[in-house]
PDB file of N, CA and C in Angstrom:
ATOM      1  N   MET A   1       0.860  -1.246  -0.020  1.00  0.00           N
ATOM      2  CA  MET A   1       0.042   0.016  -0.025  1.00  0.00           C
ATOM      3  C   MET A   1       0.922   1.249  -0.014  1.00  0.00           C
ATOM      4  N   VAL A   2       0.510   2.183  -0.853  1.00  0.00           N
ATOM      5  CA  VAL A   2       1.267   3.353  -0.900  1.00  0.00           C
ATOM      6  C   VAL A   2       0.664   4.447   0.018  1.00  0.00           C
ATOM      7  N   CYS A   3       1.490   5.180   0.749  1.00  0.00           N
ATOM      8  CA  CYS A   3       1.046   6.161   1.693  1.00  0.00           C
ATOM      9  C   CYS A   3       1.530   7.534   1.188  1.00  0.00           C
ATOM     10  N   LEU A   4       0.636   8.367   0.772  1.00  0.00           N
ATOM     11  CA  LEU A   4       0.931   9.676   0.249  1.00  0.00           C
ATOM     12  C   LEU A   4       0.711  10.669   1.371  1.00  0.00           C
ATOM     13  N   PHE A   5       1.491  11.733   1.302  1.00  0.00           N
ATOM     14  CA  PHE A   5       1.466  12.799   2.337  1.00  0.00           C
ATOM     15  C   PHE A   5       0.974  14.109   1.644  1.00  0.00           C
ATOM     16  N   HIS A   6       0.017  14.797   2.171  1.00  0.00           N
ATOM     17  CA  HIS A   6      -0.480  15.995   1.567  1.00  0.00           C
ATOM     18  C   HIS A   6       0.590  17.061   1.451  1.00  0.00           C
ATOM     19  N   GLY A   7       1.446  17.156   2.468  1.00  0.00           N
ATOM     20  CA  GLY A   7       2.504  18.173   2.536  1.00  0.00           C
ATOM     21  C   GLY A   7       3.466  18.041   1.350  1.00  0.00           C
ATOM     22  N   ASP A   8       3.657  16.881   0.765  1.00  0.00           N
ATOM     23  CA  ASP A   8       4.520  16.630  -0.314  1.00  0.00           C
ATOM     24  C   ASP A   8       4.209  17.361  -1.636  1.00  0.00           C
ATOM     25  N   TYR A   9       2.948  17.714  -1.720  1.00  0.00           N
ATOM     26  CA  TYR A   9       2.442  18.198  -3.013  1.00  0.00           C
ATOM     27  C   TYR A   9       1.965  19.642  -2.895  1.00  0.00           C
ATOM     28  N   GLY A  10       2.345  20.443  -1.878  1.00  0.00           N
ATOM     29  CA  GLY A  10       2.045  21.722  -1.683  1.00  0.00           C
ATOM     30  C   GLY A  10       0.704  22.024  -0.943  1.00  0.00           C
ATOM     31  N   PRO A  11       0.449  23.269  -0.812  1.00  0.00           N
ATOM     32  CA  PRO A  11      -0.774  23.584  -0.085  1.00  0.00           C
ATOM     33  C   PRO A  11      -2.102  23.302  -0.973  1.00  0.00           C
ATOM     34  N   ALA A  12      -3.168  23.353  -0.271  1.00  0.00           N
ATOM     35  CA  ALA A  12      -4.443  23.119  -0.963  1.00  0.00           C
ATOM     36  C   ALA A  12      -4.817  24.220  -1.844  1.00  0.00           C
ATOM     37  N   ASP A  13      -5.277  23.886  -2.974  1.00  0.00           N
ATOM     38  CA  ASP A  13      -5.570  25.020  -4.022  1.00  0.00           C
ATOM     39  C   ASP A  13      -7.111  25.078  -4.133  1.00  0.00           C
ATOM     40  N   PRO A  14      -7.696  26.272  -3.592  1.00  0.00           N
ATOM     41  CA  PRO A  14      -9.123  26.374  -3.665  1.00  0.00           C
ATOM     42  C   PRO A  14      -9.795  26.417  -5.053  1.00  0.00           C
ATOM     43  N   ALA A  15      -8.928  26.795  -6.083  1.00  0.00           N
ATOM     44  CA  ALA A  15      -9.346  26.882  -7.461  1.00  0.00           C
ATOM     45  C   ALA A  15      -9.256  25.430  -8.221  1.00  0.00           C
ATOM     46  N   PHE A  16      -8.718  24.461  -7.459  1.00  0.00           N
ATOM     47  CA  PHE A  16      -8.501  23.185  -8.096  1.00  0.00           C
ATOM     48  C   PHE A  16      -9.900  22.516  -8.258  1.00  0.00           C
ATOM     49  N   ASP A  17     -10.241  22.026  -9.493  1.00  0.00           N
ATOM     50  CA  ASP A  17     -11.486  21.284  -9.741  1.00  0.00           C
ATOM     51  C   ASP A  17     -11.098  20.062 -10.648  1.00  0.00           C
ATOM     52  N   LEU A  18     -11.602  18.880 -10.231  1.00  0.00           N
ATOM     53  CA  LEU A  18     -11.344  17.696 -10.976  1.00  0.00           C
ATOM     54  C   LEU A  18     -11.877  17.777 -12.405  1.00  0.00           C
ATOM     55  N   GLY A  19     -12.920  18.430 -12.645  1.00  0.00           N
ATOM     56  CA  GLY A  19     -13.452  18.470 -13.954  1.00  0.00           C
ATOM     57  C   GLY A  19     -13.165  19.786 -14.800  1.00  0.00           C
ATOM     58  N   SER A  20     -12.056  20.340 -14.450  1.00  0.00           N
ATOM     59  CA  SER A  20     -11.689  21.626 -15.130  1.00  0.00           C
ATOM     60  C   SER A  20     -10.977  21.500 -16.444  1.00  0.00           C
ATOM     61  N   GLY A  21     -11.408  20.511 -17.256  1.00  0.00           N
ATOM     62  CA  GLY A  21     -10.786  20.353 -18.531  1.00  0.00           C
ATOM     63  C   GLY A  21      -9.510  19.505 -18.544  1.00  0.00           C
ATOM     64  N   LEU A  22      -9.164  18.859 -17.441  1.00  0.00           N
ATOM     65  CA  LEU A  22      -8.089  18.018 -17.327  1.00  0.00           C
ATOM     66  C   LEU A  22      -8.533  16.617 -17.757  1.00  0.00           C
ATOM     67  N   THR A  23      -7.717  15.910 -18.417  1.00  0.00           N
ATOM     68  CA  THR A  23      -8.120  14.560 -18.789  1.00  0.00           C
ATOM     69  C   THR A  23      -7.482  13.538 -17.839  1.00  0.00           C
ATOM     70  N   TRP A  24      -8.342  12.820 -17.171  1.00  0.00           N
ATOM     71  CA  TRP A  24      -7.855  11.898 -16.108  1.00  0.00           C
ATOM     72  C   TRP A  24      -8.037  10.485 -16.714  1.00  0.00           C
ATOM     73  N   VAL A  25      -7.113   9.576 -16.612  1.00  0.00           N
ATOM     74  CA  VAL A  25      -7.173   8.246 -17.105  1.00  0.00           C
ATOM     75  C   VAL A  25      -7.995   7.384 -16.096  1.00  0.00           C
ATOM     76  N   VAL A  26      -7.898   7.650 -14.903  1.00  0.00           N
ATOM     77  CA  VAL A  26      -8.623   6.914 -13.822  1.00  0.00           C
ATOM     78  C   VAL A  26      -9.983   7.506 -13.505  1.00  0.00           C
ATOM     79  N   ASP A  27     -10.888   6.791 -12.842  1.00  0.00           N
ATOM     80  CA  ASP A  27     -12.122   7.308 -12.455  1.00  0.00           C
ATOM     81  C   ASP A  27     -11.960   8.506 -11.520  1.00  0.00           C
ATOM     82  N   ALA A  28     -12.701   9.586 -11.717  1.00  0.00           N
ATOM     83  CA  ALA A  28     -12.718  10.801 -11.010  1.00  0.00           C
ATOM     84  C   ALA A  28     -13.034  10.593  -9.546  1.00  0.00           C
ATOM     85  N   ASN A  29     -13.796   9.583  -9.221  1.00  0.00           N
ATOM     86  CA  ASN A  29     -14.274   9.280  -7.780  1.00  0.00           C
ATOM     87  C   ASN A  29     -13.039   8.944  -6.898  1.00  0.00           C
ATOM     88  N   SER A  30     -12.052   8.263  -7.618  1.00  0.00           N
ATOM     89  CA  SER A  30     -10.873   7.885  -6.771  1.00  0.00           C
ATOM     90  C   SER A  30      -9.883   9.121  -6.500  1.00  0.00           C
ATOM     91  N   LEU A  31     -10.159  10.183  -7.194  1.00  0.00           N
ATOM     92  CA  LEU A  31      -9.370  11.378  -7.022  1.00  0.00           C
ATOM     93  C   LEU A  31      -9.989  12.432  -6.154  1.00  0.00           C
ATOM     94  N   LYS A  32     -11.125  12.075  -5.505  1.00  0.00           N
ATOM     95  CA  LYS A  32     -11.935  13.022  -4.701  1.00  0.00           C
ATOM     96  C   LYS A  32     -11.133  13.654  -3.512  1.00  0.00           C
ATOM     97  N   GLU A  33     -10.057  12.881  -2.972  1.00  0.00           N
ATOM     98  CA  GLU A  33      -9.279  13.405  -1.832  1.00  0.00           C
ATOM     99  C   GLU A  33      -8.224  14.308  -2.268  1.00  0.00           C
ATOM    100  N   ALA A  34      -7.934  14.529  -3.582  1.00  0.00           N
ATOM    101  CA  ALA A  34      -6.938  15.387  -4.007  1.00  0.00           C
ATOM    102  C   ALA A  34      -7.259  16.883  -3.678  1.00  0.00           C
ATOM    103  N   ARG A  35      -6.274  17.647  -3.170  1.00  0.00           N
ATOM    104  CA  ARG A  35      -6.542  19.006  -2.835  1.00  0.00           C
ATOM    105  C   ARG A  35      -5.913  19.949  -3.881  1.00  0.00           C
ATOM    106  N   ASN A  36      -5.004  19.379  -4.660  1.00  0.00           N
ATOM    107  CA  ASN A  36      -4.458  20.264  -5.802  1.00  0.00           C
ATOM    108  C   ASN A  36      -3.953  19.333  -6.950  1.00  0.00           C
ATOM    109  N   LEU A  37      -3.559  19.893  -8.011  1.00  0.00           N
ATOM    110  CA  LEU A  37      -3.212  19.114  -9.216  1.00  0.00           C
ATOM    111  C   LEU A  37      -2.107  18.103  -8.883  1.00  0.00           C
ATOM    112  N   GLY A  38      -1.072  18.438  -8.107  1.00  0.00           N
ATOM    113  CA  GLY A  38      -0.034  17.570  -7.899  1.00  0.00           C
ATOM    114  C   GLY A  38      -0.566  16.221  -7.155  1.00  0.00           C
ATOM    115  N   GLU A  39      -1.479  16.394  -6.235  1.00  0.00           N
ATOM    116  CA  GLU A  39      -1.932  15.262  -5.512  1.00  0.00           C
ATOM    117  C   GLU A  39      -2.770  14.386  -6.495  1.00  0.00           C
ATOM    118  N   GLY A  40      -3.577  15.091  -7.338  1.00  0.00           N
ATOM    119  CA  GLY A  40      -4.355  14.326  -8.354  1.00  0.00           C
ATOM    120  C   GLY A  40      -3.525  13.512  -9.281  1.00  0.00           C
ATOM    121  N   GLU A  41      -2.438  14.051  -9.683  1.00  0.00           N
ATOM    122  CA  GLU A  41      -1.497  13.383 -10.610  1.00  0.00           C
ATOM    123  C   GLU A  41      -0.808  12.239  -9.860  1.00  0.00           C
ATOM    124  N   ALA A  42      -0.476  12.378  -8.589  1.00  0.00           N
ATOM    125  CA  ALA A  42       0.170  11.350  -7.823  1.00  0.00           C
ATOM    126  C   ALA A  42      -0.837  10.189  -7.601  1.00  0.00           C
ATOM    127  N   ILE A  43      -2.020  10.458  -7.276  1.00  0.00           N
ATOM    128  CA  ILE A  43      -3.001   9.436  -7.102  1.00  0.00           C
ATOM    129  C   ILE A  43      -3.159   8.653  -8.394  1.00  0.00           C
ATOM    130  N   GLN A  44      -3.240   9.391  -9.543  1.00  0.00           N
ATOM    131  CA  GLN A  44      -3.363   8.654 -10.898  1.00  0.00           C
ATOM    132  C   GLN A  44      -2.220   7.868 -11.224  1.00  0.00           C
ATOM    133  N   ARG A  45      -1.030   8.359 -10.906  1.00  0.00           N
ATOM    134  CA  ARG A  45       0.208   7.585 -11.165  1.00  0.00           C
ATOM    135  C   ARG A  45       0.166   6.216 -10.471  1.00  0.00           C
ATOM    136  N   HIS A  46      -0.118   6.320  -9.125  1.00  0.00           N
ATOM    137  CA  HIS A  46      -0.091   5.079  -8.302  1.00  0.00           C
ATOM    138  C   HIS A  46      -1.221   4.077  -8.707  1.00  0.00           C
ATOM    139  N   LEU A  47      -2.343   4.591  -8.957  1.00  0.00           N
ATOM    140  CA  LEU A  47      -3.536   3.744  -9.455  1.00  0.00           C
ATOM    141  C   LEU A  47      -3.228   3.116 -10.800  1.00  0.00           C
ATOM    142  N   LEU A  48      -2.526   3.822 -11.661  1.00  0.00           N
ATOM    143  CA  LEU A  48      -2.210   3.199 -12.960  1.00  0.00           C
ATOM    144  C   LEU A  48      -1.126   2.028 -12.790  1.00  0.00           C
ATOM    145  N   ARG A  49      -0.338   2.132 -11.766  1.00  0.00           N
ATOM    146  CA  ARG A  49       0.599   1.008 -11.444  1.00  0.00           C
ATOM    147  C   ARG A  49      -0.071  -0.147 -10.688  1.00  0.00           C
ATOM    148  N   GLY A  50      -1.338   0.078 -10.338  1.00  0.00           N
ATOM    149  CA  GLY A  50      -2.126  -1.004  -9.657  1.00  0.00           C
ATOM    150  C   GLY A  50      -1.892  -0.943  -8.099  1.00  0.00           C
ATOM    151  N   GLU A  51      -1.436   0.136  -7.620  1.00  0.00           N
ATOM    152  CA  GLU A  51      -1.186   0.197  -6.137  1.00  0.00           C
ATOM    153  C   GLU A  51      -2.359   0.913  -5.487  1.00  0.00           C
ATOM    154  N   PRO A  52      -2.832   0.394  -4.338  1.00  0.00           N
ATOM    155  CA  PRO A  52      -3.864   1.136  -3.607  1.00  0.00           C
ATOM    156  C   PRO A  52      -3.287   2.378  -2.947  1.00  0.00           C
ATOM    157  N   VAL A  53      -4.021   3.510  -2.821  1.00  0.00           N
ATOM    158  CA  VAL A  53      -3.528   4.705  -2.330  1.00  0.00           C
ATOM    159  C   VAL A  53      -4.286   5.032  -0.947  1.00  0.00           C
ATOM    160  N   SER A  54      -3.460   5.471  -0.010  1.00  0.00           N
ATOM    161  CA  SER A  54      -4.038   6.057   1.193  1.00  0.00           C
ATOM    162  C   SER A  54      -3.326   7.297   1.594  1.00  0.00           C
ATOM    163  N   TRP A  55      -3.909   8.135   2.350  1.00  0.00           N
ATOM    164  CA  TRP A  55      -3.221   9.376   2.810  1.00  0.00           C
ATOM    165  C   TRP A  55      -2.836   9.192   4.276  1.00  0.00           C
ATOM    166  N   CYS A  56      -1.623   9.632   4.539  1.00  0.00           N
ATOM    167  CA  CYS A  56      -1.048   9.611   5.901  1.00  0.00           C
ATOM    168  C   CYS A  56      -0.967  11.054   6.461  1.00  0.00           C
ATOM    169  N   GLY A  57      -0.918  11.172   7.786  1.00  0.00           N
ATOM    170  CA  GLY A  57      -0.967  12.460   8.400  1.00  0.00           C
ATOM    171  C   GLY A  57       0.346  13.315   8.192  1.00  0.00           C
ATOM    172  N   GLN A  58       1.414  12.724   8.667  1.00  0.00           N
ATOM    173  CA  GLN A  58       2.721  13.440   8.628  1.00  0.00           C
ATOM    174  C   GLN A  58       3.741  12.751   7.789  1.00  0.00           C
ATOM    175  N   GLY A  59       4.563  13.486   7.083  1.00  0.00           N
ATOM    176  CA  GLY A  59       5.548  12.851   6.253  1.00  0.00           C
ATOM    177  C   GLY A  59       6.745  12.413   7.030  1.00  0.00           C
ATOM    178  N   TYR A  60       7.305  13.191   7.956  1.00  0.00           N
ATOM    179  CA  TYR A  60       8.521  12.787   8.682  1.00  0.00           C
ATOM    180  C   TYR A  60       8.180  12.666  10.268  1.00  0.00           C
ATOM    181  N   ALA A  61       6.927  12.228  10.554  1.00  0.00           N
ATOM    182  CA  ALA A  61       6.568  12.106  11.882  1.00  0.00           C
ATOM    183  C   ALA A  61       7.333  10.945  12.624  1.00  0.00           C
ATOM    184  N   TRP A  62       7.894  10.075  11.843  1.00  0.00           N
ATOM    185  CA  TRP A  62       8.666   8.870  12.369  1.00  0.00           C
ATOM    186  C   TRP A  62       9.951   9.450  13.104  1.00  0.00           C
ATOM    187  N   VAL A  63      10.418  10.583  12.754  1.00  0.00           N
ATOM    188  CA  VAL A  63      11.623  11.103  13.321  1.00  0.00           C
ATOM    189  C   VAL A  63      11.348  11.374  14.858  1.00  0.00           C
ATOM    190  N   ASP A  64      10.092  11.802  15.272  1.00  0.00           N
ATOM    191  CA  ASP A  64       9.828  12.090  16.552  1.00  0.00           C
ATOM    192  C   ASP A  64       9.419  10.907  17.458  1.00  0.00           C
ATOM    193  N   GLN A  65       9.403   9.729  16.882  1.00  0.00           N
ATOM    194  CA  GLN A  65       9.021   8.518  17.595  1.00  0.00           C
ATOM    195  C   GLN A  65      10.095   8.289  18.790  1.00  0.00           C
ATOM    196  N   ASP A  66       9.570   7.556  19.832  1.00  0.00           N
ATOM    197  CA  ASP A  66      10.528   7.317  20.924  1.00  0.00           C
ATOM    198  C   ASP A  66      11.688   6.331  20.479  1.00  0.00           C
ATOM    199  N   ALA A  67      11.422   5.390  19.575  1.00  0.00           N
ATOM    200  CA  ALA A  67      12.481   4.489  19.163  1.00  0.00           C
ATOM    201  C   ALA A  67      13.604   5.284  18.449  1.00  0.00           C
ATOM    202  N   VAL A  68      13.357   6.252  17.678  1.00  0.00           N
ATOM    203  CA  VAL A  68      14.474   7.040  17.025  1.00  0.00           C
ATOM    204  C   VAL A  68      15.221   7.814  18.059  1.00  0.00           C
ATOM    205  N   VAL A  69      14.450   8.405  19.022  1.00  0.00           N
ATOM    206  CA  VAL A  69      15.186   9.202  20.036  1.00  0.00           C
ATOM    207  C   VAL A  69      16.057   8.274  20.872  1.00  0.00           C
ATOM    208  N   TRP A  70      15.579   7.085  21.200  1.00  0.00           N
ATOM    209  CA  TRP A  70      16.452   6.185  21.952  1.00  0.00           C
ATOM    210  C   TRP A  70      17.651   5.687  21.166  1.00  0.00           C
ATOM    211  N   PHE A  71      17.419   5.604  19.850  1.00  0.00           N
ATOM    212  CA  PHE A  71      18.555   5.228  19.038  1.00  0.00           C
ATOM    213  C   PHE A  71      19.687   6.277  19.032  1.00  0.00           C
ATOM    214  N   TYR A  72      19.215   7.559  18.939  1.00  0.00           N
ATOM    215  CA  TYR A  72      20.244   8.659  18.936  1.00  0.00           C
ATOM    216  C   TYR A  72      20.957   8.736  20.378  1.00  0.00           C
ATOM    217  N   LEU A  73      20.167   8.490  21.447  1.00  0.00           N
ATOM    218  CA  LEU A  73      20.731   8.509  22.709  1.00  0.00           C
ATOM    219  C   LEU A  73      21.785   7.462  22.884  1.00  0.00           C
ATOM    220  N   ALA A  74      21.404   6.179  22.450  1.00  0.00           N
ATOM    221  CA  ALA A  74      22.431   5.035  22.557  1.00  0.00           C
ATOM    222  C   ALA A  74      23.580   5.343  21.656  1.00  0.00           C
ATOM    223  N   ALA A  75      23.461   5.853  20.469  1.00  0.00           N
ATOM    224  CA  ALA A  75      24.657   6.248  19.638  1.00  0.00           C
ATOM    225  C   ALA A  75      25.484   7.221  20.377  1.00  0.00           C
ATOM    226  N   PHE A  76      24.934   8.241  21.039  1.00  0.00           N
ATOM    227  CA  PHE A  76      25.827   9.195  21.777  1.00  0.00           C
ATOM    228  C   PHE A  76      26.439   8.545  22.994  1.00  0.00           C
ATOM    229  N   LEU A  77      25.716   7.657  23.720  1.00  0.00           N
ATOM    230  CA  LEU A  77      26.346   7.060  24.949  1.00  0.00           C
ATOM    231  C   LEU A  77      27.342   6.043  24.658  1.00  0.00           C
ATOM    232  N   PHE A  78      27.202   5.304  23.516  1.00  0.00           N
ATOM    233  CA  PHE A  78      28.085   4.144  23.266  1.00  0.00           C
ATOM    234  C   PHE A  78      29.089   4.453  22.208  1.00  0.00           C
ATOM    235  N   VAL A  79      28.989   5.524  21.408  1.00  0.00           N
ATOM    236  CA  VAL A  79      29.979   5.858  20.376  1.00  0.00           C
ATOM    237  C   VAL A  79      30.649   7.154  20.723  1.00  0.00           C
ATOM    238  N   ILE A  80      29.866   8.195  20.700  1.00  0.00           N
ATOM    239  CA  ILE A  80      30.454   9.553  20.786  1.00  0.00           C
ATOM    240  C   ILE A  80      31.015   9.799  22.139  1.00  0.00           C
ATOM    241  N   LEU A  81      30.346   9.472  23.271  1.00  0.00           N
ATOM    242  CA  LEU A  81      30.845   9.775  24.569  1.00  0.00           C
ATOM    243  C   LEU A  81      32.126   8.986  24.908  1.00  0.00           C
ATOM    244  N   PRO A  82      32.267   7.773  24.632  1.00  0.00           N
ATOM    245  CA  PRO A  82      33.519   7.018  24.869  1.00  0.00           C
ATOM    246  C   PRO A  82      34.660   7.612  24.015  1.00  0.00           C
ATOM    247  N   TYR A  83      34.367   8.038  22.731  1.00  0.00           N
ATOM    248  CA  TYR A  83      35.438   8.661  21.987  1.00  0.00           C
ATOM    249  C   TYR A  83      35.892   9.958  22.644  1.00  0.00           C
ATOM    250  N   LEU A  84      34.943  10.847  23.071  1.00  0.00           N
ATOM    251  CA  LEU A  84      35.377  12.103  23.716  1.00  0.00           C
ATOM    252  C   LEU A  84      36.152  11.789  25.010  1.00  0.00           C
ATOM    253  N   ILE A  85      35.783  10.814  25.797  1.00  0.00           N
ATOM    254  CA  ILE A  85      36.449  10.508  27.015  1.00  0.00           C
ATOM    255  C   ILE A  85      37.951  10.019  26.667  1.00  0.00           C
ATOM    256  N   MET A  86      37.998   9.182  25.720  1.00  0.00           N
ATOM    257  CA  MET A  86      39.380   8.667  25.396  1.00  0.00           C
ATOM    258  C   MET A  86      40.268   9.777  24.811  1.00  0.00           C
ATOM    259  N   SER A  87      39.666  10.666  24.117  1.00  0.00           N
ATOM    260  CA  SER A  87      40.435  11.812  23.545  1.00  0.00           C
ATOM    261  C   SER A  87      40.895  12.723  24.657  1.00  0.00           C
ATOM    262  N   ALA A  88      40.013  13.026  25.575  1.00  0.00           N
ATOM    263  CA  ALA A  88      40.318  13.882  26.769  1.00  0.00           C
ATOM    264  C   ALA A  88      41.406  13.207  27.610  1.00  0.00           C
ATOM    265  N   LYS A  89      41.361  11.840  27.820  1.00  0.00           N
ATOM    266  CA  LYS A  89      42.417  11.219  28.558  1.00  0.00           C
ATOM    267  C   LYS A  89      43.709  11.294  27.865  1.00  0.00           C
ATOM    268  N   GLY A  90      43.742  11.155  26.560  1.00  0.00           N
ATOM    269  CA  GLY A  90      44.974  11.256  25.713  1.00  0.00           C
ATOM    270  C   GLY A  90      45.479  12.553  25.718  1.00  0.00           C
ATOM    271  N   PHE A  91      44.724  13.658  25.741  1.00  0.00           N
ATOM    272  CA  PHE A  91      45.137  14.964  25.822  1.00  0.00           C
ATOM    273  C   PHE A  91      45.686  15.289  27.144  1.00  0.00           C
ATOM    274  N   ALA A  92      45.058  14.832  28.197  1.00  0.00           N
ATOM    275  CA  ALA A  92      45.521  15.077  29.555  1.00  0.00           C
ATOM    276  C   ALA A  92      46.791  14.393  29.823  1.00  0.00           C
ATOM    277  N   LYS A  93      47.108  13.173  29.222  1.00  0.00           N
ATOM    278  CA  LYS A  93      48.306  12.558  29.470  1.00  0.00           C
ATOM    279  C   LYS A  93      49.497  13.300  28.837  1.00  0.00           C
ATOM    280  N   CYS A  94      49.199  13.794  27.538  1.00  0.00           N
ATOM    281  CA  CYS A  94      50.222  14.596  26.915  1.00  0.00           C
ATOM    282  C   CYS A  94      50.488  15.887  27.609  1.00  0.00           C
ATOM    283  N   ALA A  95      49.503  16.491  28.116  1.00  0.00           N
ATOM    284  CA  ALA A  95      49.630  17.834  28.751  1.00  0.00           C
ATOM    285  C   ALA A  95      50.412  17.716  29.988  1.00  0.00           C
ATOM    286  N   ALA A  96      50.484  16.536  30.649  1.00  0.00           N
ATOM    287  CA  ALA A  96      51.134  16.286  31.928  1.00  0.00           C
ATOM    288  C   ALA A  96      52.561  16.411  31.746  1.00  0.00           C
ATOM    289  N   TRP A  97      53.119  16.277  30.572  1.00  0.00           N
ATOM    290  CA  TRP A  97      54.548  16.204  30.279  1.00  0.00           C
ATOM    291  C   TRP A  97      54.974  17.370  29.421  1.00  0.00           C
ATOM    292  N   PRO A  98      55.018  18.556  29.939  1.00  0.00           N
ATOM    293  CA  PRO A  98      55.290  19.716  29.100  1.00  0.00           C
ATOM    294  C   PRO A  98      56.720  19.756  28.618  1.00  0.00           C
ATOM    295  N   ASP A  99      57.642  19.025  29.226  1.00  0.00           N
ATOM    296  CA  ASP A  99      59.042  19.106  28.769  1.00  0.00           C
ATOM    297  C   ASP A  99      59.443  18.006  27.761  1.00  0.00           C
ATOM    298  N   ILE A 100      58.453  17.277  27.377  1.00  0.00           N
ATOM    299  CA  ILE A 100      58.669  16.165  26.435  1.00  0.00           C
ATOM    300  C   ILE A 100      58.913  16.801  25.026  1.00  0.00           C
ATOM    301  N   SER A 101      59.778  16.237  24.215  1.00  0.00           N
ATOM    302  CA  SER A 101      60.009  16.777  22.892  1.00  0.00           C
ATOM    303  C   SER A 101      59.080  16.123  21.854  1.00  0.00           C
ATOM    304  N   VAL A 102      59.025  16.801  20.748  1.00  0.00           N
ATOM    305  CA  VAL A 102      58.121  16.432  19.693  1.00  0.00           C
ATOM    306  C   VAL A 102      58.510  15.085  19.031  1.00  0.00           C
ATOM    307  N   GLU A 103      59.919  14.862  19.029  1.00  0.00           N
ATOM    308  CA  GLU A 103      60.415  13.645  18.407  1.00  0.00           C
ATOM    309  C   GLU A 103      59.964  12.425  19.263  1.00  0.00           C
ATOM    310  N   ILE A 104      59.947  12.511  20.542  1.00  0.00           N
ATOM    311  CA  ILE A 104      59.558  11.444  21.358  1.00  0.00           C
ATOM    312  C   ILE A 104      58.104  11.172  21.276  1.00  0.00           C
ATOM    313  N   LEU A 105      57.225  12.199  21.203  1.00  0.00           N
ATOM    314  CA  LEU A 105      55.854  12.043  21.020  1.00  0.00           C
ATOM    315  C   LEU A 105      55.578  11.366  19.702  1.00  0.00           C
ATOM    316  N   ALA A 106      56.442  11.638  18.672  1.00  0.00           N
ATOM    317  CA  ALA A 106      56.177  11.080  17.358  1.00  0.00           C
ATOM    318  C   ALA A 106      56.702   9.682  17.190  1.00  0.00           C
ATOM    319  N   GLY A 107      57.462   9.237  18.174  1.00  0.00           N
ATOM    320  CA  GLY A 107      57.982   7.889  18.235  1.00  0.00           C
ATOM    321  C   GLY A 107      59.333   7.827  17.538  1.00  0.00           C
ATOM    322  N   ARG A 108      60.002   8.953  17.144  1.00  0.00           N
ATOM    323  CA  ARG A 108      61.291   8.968  16.431  1.00  0.00           C
ATOM    324  C   ARG A 108      62.405   9.357  17.421  1.00  0.00           C
ATOM    325  N   GLN A 109      63.479   8.744  17.374  1.00  0.00           N
ATOM    326  CA  GLN A 109      64.650   9.083  18.106  1.00  0.00           C
ATOM    327  C   GLN A 109      65.477  10.078  17.404  1.00  0.00           C
ATOM    328  N   ARG A 110      66.174  11.001  18.013  1.00  0.00           N
ATOM    329  CA  ARG A 110      66.972  11.940  17.372  1.00  0.00           C
ATOM    330  C   ARG A 110      68.200  11.350  16.928  1.00  0.00           C
ATOM    331  N   LEU A 111      68.709  11.685  15.858  1.00  0.00           N
ATOM    332  CA  LEU A 111      69.938  11.160  15.236  1.00  0.00           C
ATOM    333  C   LEU A 111      71.117  11.777  15.990  1.00  0.00           C
ATOM    334  N   PRO A 112      72.206  11.009  16.325  1.00  0.00           N
ATOM    335  CA  PRO A 112      73.294  11.588  16.993  1.00  0.00           C
ATOM    336  C   PRO A 112      74.010  12.614  16.128  1.00  0.00           C
ATOM    337  N   ARG A 113      74.608  13.599  16.690  1.00  0.00           N
ATOM    338  CA  ARG A 113      75.361  14.658  15.828  1.00  0.00           C
ATOM    339  C   ARG A 113      76.776  14.448  15.885  1.00  0.00           C
TER     340      ARG A 113
END
């Protein structure tokens, strides 16, 4: 089943009329929920493919679901936060040795002169 969203096709057009000289290949009764030309064409496209059409309330409402919020929270706690902690520990370890040379930090020994 195809779920169409009114917001994807623009605002409702008060001047839109199904019988306003447009040629529809499908039955006009199946287009009665269309609020503008874009919605009517979308319904016709899906019906010609043999797909049933229904209208859904919100397009991106799934983003506000609890499962998505919990996923973002888990990603922060188990990926981003440990990375930040390890980076801070590494920075604190290097900052504790201010007299250390760059060559030793890079793992290279100085050549004798």
